Amino acid sequence: MSFQPAEHRIQRNPIQVMCDVIFALFLRELKTRFGTYRLGVFWALAEPIAHVIIFSIIFGVRAREGFGGVETPIFIYTGIMPFLLFQNLFTKCKSACSANRGLFHYRYVKPINTYCARTLLEIGIFLFTSISLFALFWWAGYQVAIYDILSCLMIVMLLTVFATSFGMIASFAVEFFPESDKFLAILMKPMMFISGIFFTLDMIPEKYHVYLIWNPVLHAVELFRAGFIENFTSEHASLWYLFCCALVSLFIALRLYRSHWTRMIAT
């Protein structure tokens, strides 16, 4: 057995080490989420399909008249997919550190690695389920075509930044004040009903807009629909507001992480 001299060993820079750690955590998360199921990752399709079917049955009587000429399953699909991306990213990032706390004994594993690994996994699941459902609608005979794919991708990117940052902020809040976990759970319960999954702002009387317009997820859903559906327009959703929410939440999350990441490891 021969050993290489120290000067001939491959030296990896911190970025390479971080990428390797994130990839290893990504594989661990993937195996944990789907490795124990016989159908594996295909179970990820169950949740969006169930939502589309249930809400399509509930609102199916409206058909084309209730959603501006858009078929009900397509309308629900363009609302539920961005919402599930936000919900899953927030939930998984909120619990990223607590679920991987035992790995922090390894000096190369940092809390930021767990956030990145879970974010990448949720984006992968979102793309897989979105494309699969899109193909399923096409196979079923629905008129599906993405009007502006670049706009949709931009909204997904901004929503990913906002949800991940919001989840990071929540993870620090739960770490410092454990009671806040109960408050966040209560806060998230009505989100599905105020995020525009099965309605648009044009359907709501304008005097109630002031109570809904502060929700950045609602803006993301409206803008995603506008990019997906050719004849759909949203006069009330603001790309600038969604961008500001994503930027501010990212700044707060990174500032908290810079100041308190060692506490996450120590505890």
Protein backbone atom coordinates (compact mmCIF):
# COMPACT_ATOMS: atom_id res chain seq x y z
CA MET A 1 0.00 0.00 0.00
CA SER A 2 1.39 3.36 -1.01
CA PHE A 3 0.55 6.78 0.32
CA GLN A 4 0.69 10.03 -1.57
CA PRO A 5 2.82 12.77 -0.07
CA ALA A 6 0.85 15.58 1.51
CA GLU A 7 1.90 18.00 -1.23
CA HIS A 8 0.37 15.74 -3.93
CA ARG A 9 -3.03 15.34 -2.28
CA ILE A 10 -5.95 17.07 -3.94
CA GLN A 11 -6.85 20.16 -2.00
CA ARG A 12 -10.52 21.11 -2.20
CA ASN A 13 -11.61 24.69 -1.73
CA PRO A 14 -14.48 25.57 0.65
CA ILE A 15 -17.00 25.82 -2.22
CA GLN A 16 -16.23 22.27 -3.36
CA VAL A 17 -16.52 20.98 0.20
CA MET A 18 -19.86 22.74 0.63
CA CYS A 19 -21.21 21.32 -2.65
CA ASP A 20 -20.16 17.80 -1.64
CA VAL A 21 -21.84 18.16 1.75
CA ILE A 22 -25.04 19.52 0.19
CA PHE A 23 -25.10 16.66 -2.32
CA ALA A 24 -24.67 14.10 0.45
CA LEU A 25 -27.45 15.71 2.49
CA PHE A 26 -29.63 15.83 -0.63
CA LEU A 27 -29.24 12.07 -1.13
CA ARG A 28 -29.96 11.50 2.55
CA GLU A 29 -33.14 13.60 2.38
CA LEU A 30 -34.23 11.84 -0.81
CA LYS A 31 -33.77 8.40 0.76
CA THR A 32 -35.52 9.48 3.95
CA ARG A 33 -38.51 10.93 2.11
CA PHE A 34 -39.06 8.24 -0.52
CA GLY A 35 -36.65 5.35 0.08
CA THR A 36 -38.99 3.41 2.35
CA TYR A 37 -41.92 3.46 -0.10
CA ARG A 38 -42.33 0.91 -2.86
CA LEU A 39 -43.38 3.50 -5.44
CA GLY A 40 -40.77 5.95 -4.16
CA VAL A 41 -40.86 9.44 -5.60
CA PHE A 42 -44.15 8.81 -7.41
CA TRP A 43 -45.90 9.32 -4.08
CA ALA A 44 -45.00 13.00 -4.53
CA LEU A 45 -47.71 13.12 -7.21
CA ALA A 46 -50.40 12.04 -4.78
CA GLU A 47 -50.80 15.37 -2.98
CA PRO A 48 -51.19 17.70 -6.00
CA ILE A 49 -53.39 15.19 -7.85
CA ALA A 50 -55.63 14.85 -4.80
CA HIS A 51 -55.95 18.64 -4.48
CA VAL A 52 -56.72 19.09 -8.18
CA ILE A 53 -59.36 16.33 -8.16
CA ILE A 54 -61.06 17.45 -4.93
CA PHE A 55 -61.19 21.14 -5.80
CA SER A 56 -62.22 20.37 -9.39
CA ILE A 57 -65.17 18.35 -8.07
CA ILE A 58 -66.12 21.11 -5.62
CA PHE A 59 -65.89 23.91 -8.17
CA GLY A 60 -66.60 21.85 -11.27
CA VAL A 61 -70.12 23.21 -11.49
CA ARG A 62 -68.64 26.60 -12.35
CA ALA A 63 -66.89 25.04 -15.37
CA ARG A 64 -65.60 27.63 -17.80
CA GLU A 65 -67.98 30.42 -16.77
CA GLY A 66 -66.58 30.81 -13.27
CA PHE A 67 -62.91 31.09 -14.13
CA GLY A 68 -62.83 33.35 -17.15
CA GLY A 69 -62.83 30.63 -19.79
CA VAL A 70 -60.19 28.52 -18.04
CA GLU A 71 -61.00 24.87 -17.45
CA THR A 72 -61.40 24.12 -13.76
CA PRO A 73 -58.57 21.54 -13.36
CA ILE A 74 -56.11 23.84 -15.14
CA PHE A 75 -57.16 26.76 -12.95
CA ILE A 76 -56.70 24.70 -9.78
CA TYR A 77 -53.40 23.32 -11.07
CA THR A 78 -51.92 26.79 -11.61
CA GLY A 79 -52.86 27.71 -8.05
CA ILE A 80 -52.01 24.58 -6.10
CA MET A 81 -48.53 24.02 -7.55
CA PRO A 82 -46.95 27.34 -6.46
CA PHE A 83 -48.76 27.13 -3.12
CA LEU A 84 -47.44 23.62 -2.41
CA LEU A 85 -43.95 24.82 -3.35
CA PHE A 86 -44.23 27.60 -0.75
CA GLN A 87 -45.79 25.36 1.91
CA ASN A 88 -43.29 22.53 1.53
CA LEU A 89 -40.26 24.82 1.39
CA PHE A 90 -41.36 26.72 4.48
CA THR A 91 -42.14 23.56 6.47
CA LYS A 92 -38.97 21.69 5.51
CA CYS A 93 -36.64 24.65 6.04
CA LYS A 94 -38.25 25.42 9.40
CA SER A 95 -37.33 21.94 10.65
CA ALA A 96 -34.06 21.52 8.70
CA CYS A 97 -31.72 22.12 11.63
CA SER A 98 -33.69 20.19 14.25
CA ALA A 99 -33.96 17.17 11.94
CA ASN A 100 -30.22 17.13 11.18
CA ARG A 101 -28.84 18.28 14.51
CA GLY A 102 -26.89 15.07 15.04
CA LEU A 103 -24.89 15.70 11.87
CA PHE A 104 -23.53 19.00 13.16
CA HIS A 105 -20.90 17.05 15.11
CA TYR A 106 -19.10 16.73 11.76
CA ARG A 107 -17.16 19.91 11.23
CA TYR A 108 -18.02 20.23 7.53
CA VAL A 109 -21.78 20.07 8.08
CA LYS A 110 -23.26 23.49 8.74
CA PRO A 111 -26.91 24.57 9.10
CA ILE A 112 -26.80 26.37 5.75
CA ASN A 113 -26.05 23.04 4.07
CA THR A 114 -29.28 21.54 5.39
CA TYR A 115 -31.31 24.51 4.13
CA CYS A 116 -29.76 24.23 0.67
CA ALA A 117 -30.24 20.45 0.47
CA ARG A 118 -33.92 20.63 1.39
CA THR A 119 -34.51 23.54 -0.97
CA LEU A 120 -32.97 21.65 -3.88
CA LEU A 121 -35.05 18.58 -3.09
CA GLU A 122 -38.30 20.55 -2.95
CA ILE A 123 -37.50 22.30 -6.24
CA GLY A 124 -36.83 18.92 -7.82
CA ILE A 125 -40.12 17.52 -6.50
CA PHE A 126 -41.95 20.63 -7.74
CA LEU A 127 -40.52 20.30 -11.26
CA PHE A 128 -41.23 16.56 -11.37
CA THR A 129 -44.84 16.91 -10.21
CA SER A 130 -45.53 19.98 -12.38
CA ILE A 131 -44.26 18.32 -15.56
CA SER A 132 -45.99 15.03 -14.75
CA LEU A 133 -49.36 16.70 -14.13
CA PHE A 134 -48.91 18.85 -17.24
CA ALA A 135 -48.36 15.69 -19.29
CA LEU A 136 -51.36 14.05 -17.59
CA PHE A 137 -53.62 16.97 -18.53
CA TRP A 138 -52.37 16.85 -22.12
CA TRP A 139 -53.03 13.11 -22.25
CA ALA A 140 -56.55 13.64 -20.86
CA GLY A 141 -57.36 16.06 -23.68
CA TYR A 142 -57.18 19.41 -21.88
CA GLN A 143 -55.93 22.45 -23.75
CA VAL A 144 -52.66 23.06 -21.93
CA ALA A 145 -49.88 25.33 -23.11
CA ILE A 146 -47.57 27.60 -21.15
CA TYR A 147 -48.03 31.13 -22.46
CA ASP A 148 -44.84 32.67 -20.99
CA ILE A 149 -42.49 30.06 -19.53
CA LEU A 150 -39.82 32.62 -18.57
CA SER A 151 -42.33 34.56 -16.50
CA CYS A 152 -43.43 31.35 -14.75
CA LEU A 153 -39.82 30.41 -13.98
CA MET A 154 -39.13 33.89 -12.58
CA ILE A 155 -42.15 33.66 -10.27
CA VAL A 156 -41.05 30.20 -9.12
CA MET A 157 -37.55 31.53 -8.40
CA LEU A 158 -38.84 34.51 -6.36
CA LEU A 159 -41.28 32.29 -4.48
CA THR A 160 -38.47 29.83 -3.72
CA VAL A 161 -36.29 32.60 -2.30
CA PHE A 162 -39.16 33.95 -0.20
CA ALA A 163 -40.30 30.55 1.12
CA THR A 164 -36.77 29.35 1.92
CA SER A 165 -35.88 32.61 3.66
CA PHE A 166 -39.15 32.62 5.58
CA GLY A 167 -38.48 29.04 6.65
CA MET A 168 -34.98 29.96 7.84
CA ILE A 169 -36.37 32.86 9.85
CA ALA A 170 -38.96 30.53 11.36
CA SER A 171 -36.29 27.98 12.30
CA PHE A 172 -34.40 30.64 14.28
CA ALA A 173 -37.62 31.87 15.88
CA VAL A 174 -38.47 28.32 17.00
CA GLU A 175 -34.92 27.85 18.29
CA PHE A 176 -35.00 31.03 20.39
CA PHE A 177 -38.71 30.92 21.32
CA PRO A 178 -40.10 27.35 21.12
CA GLU A 179 -43.65 28.64 21.71
CA SER A 180 -43.51 30.40 18.34
CA ASP A 181 -43.87 27.02 16.61
CA LYS A 182 -47.49 26.89 17.78
CA PHE A 183 -48.12 30.40 16.50
CA LEU A 184 -46.59 29.61 13.10
CA ALA A 185 -48.73 26.47 12.80
CA ILE A 186 -51.86 28.56 13.43
CA LEU A 187 -50.65 31.21 10.98
CA MET A 188 -50.16 28.68 8.18
CA LYS A 189 -53.56 26.99 8.49
CA PRO A 190 -55.61 29.63 6.61
CA MET A 191 -52.94 30.21 3.96
CA MET A 192 -54.52 27.77 1.51
CA PHE A 193 -57.79 29.71 1.63
CA ILE A 194 -56.31 33.21 1.22
CA SER A 195 -53.65 32.48 -1.41
CA GLY A 196 -55.83 32.45 -4.52
CA ILE A 197 -55.80 28.73 -5.24
CA PHE A 198 -59.48 28.57 -6.18
CA PHE A 199 -60.28 32.26 -6.68
CA THR A 200 -58.80 35.38 -8.21
CA LEU A 201 -58.72 38.86 -6.76
CA ASP A 202 -61.16 39.97 -9.45
CA MET A 203 -63.75 37.63 -7.90
CA ILE A 204 -63.40 39.34 -4.50
CA PRO A 205 -65.12 42.69 -3.85
CA GLU A 206 -62.54 45.43 -3.96
CA LYS A 207 -63.26 46.58 -0.42
CA TYR A 208 -61.82 43.28 0.86
CA HIS A 209 -58.61 43.51 -1.16
CA VAL A 210 -56.89 45.38 1.64
CA TYR A 211 -57.05 42.24 3.79
CA LEU A 212 -55.65 39.90 1.12
CA ILE A 213 -53.20 42.01 -0.85
CA TRP A 214 -50.52 41.79 1.86
CA ASN A 215 -50.08 38.07 1.22
CA PRO A 216 -47.06 37.62 -1.11
CA VAL A 217 -48.11 34.03 -1.95
CA LEU A 218 -51.33 35.41 -3.43
CA HIS A 219 -49.26 37.69 -5.69
CA ALA A 220 -47.11 34.73 -6.72
CA VAL A 221 -50.15 32.59 -7.60
CA GLU A 222 -51.78 35.37 -9.61
CA LEU A 223 -48.58 36.15 -11.50
CA PHE A 224 -47.90 32.45 -12.13
CA ARG A 225 -51.38 32.09 -13.63
CA ALA A 226 -50.84 35.17 -15.78
CA GLY A 227 -47.67 33.63 -17.16
CA PHE A 228 -49.20 30.19 -17.63
CA ILE A 229 -52.63 31.02 -19.09
CA GLU A 230 -52.67 33.15 -22.23
CA ASN A 231 -55.89 35.08 -21.65
CA PHE A 232 -55.54 35.44 -17.89
CA THR A 233 -54.66 38.90 -16.59
CA SER A 234 -54.21 40.16 -13.05
CA GLU A 235 -54.46 43.88 -12.45
CA HIS A 236 -53.86 43.67 -8.72
CA ALA A 237 -50.82 41.36 -8.41
CA SER A 238 -47.45 43.10 -8.23
CA LEU A 239 -44.16 41.57 -9.31
CA TRP A 240 -42.34 44.39 -7.54
CA TYR A 241 -44.06 43.57 -4.23
CA LEU A 242 -43.15 39.88 -4.54
CA PHE A 243 -39.55 40.81 -5.35
CA CYS A 244 -39.33 43.12 -2.32
CA CYS A 245 -40.77 40.44 -0.01
CA ALA A 246 -38.25 37.90 -1.30
CA LEU A 247 -35.34 40.34 -0.96
CA VAL A 248 -36.26 41.55 2.53
CA SER A 249 -36.87 38.03 3.86
CA LEU A 250 -33.56 36.85 2.36
CA PHE A 251 -31.69 39.74 4.01
CA ILE A 252 -33.28 39.01 7.42
CA ALA A 253 -32.60 35.27 7.11
CA LEU A 254 -28.94 35.74 6.18
CA ARG A 255 -28.46 38.34 8.92
CA LEU A 256 -29.90 35.96 11.52
CA TYR A 257 -27.79 33.13 10.19
CA ARG A 258 -24.58 35.18 10.30
CA SER A 259 -25.21 36.19 13.91
CA HIS A 260 -26.61 32.98 15.39
CA TRP A 261 -25.61 29.94 13.31
CA THR A 262 -23.15 28.78 16.01
CA ARG A 263 -26.01 28.64 18.50
CA MET A 264 -27.89 26.26 16.20
CA ILE A 265 -24.91 23.90 16.32
CA ALA A 266 -24.23 24.32 20.02
CA THR A 267 -27.77 23.40 21.05
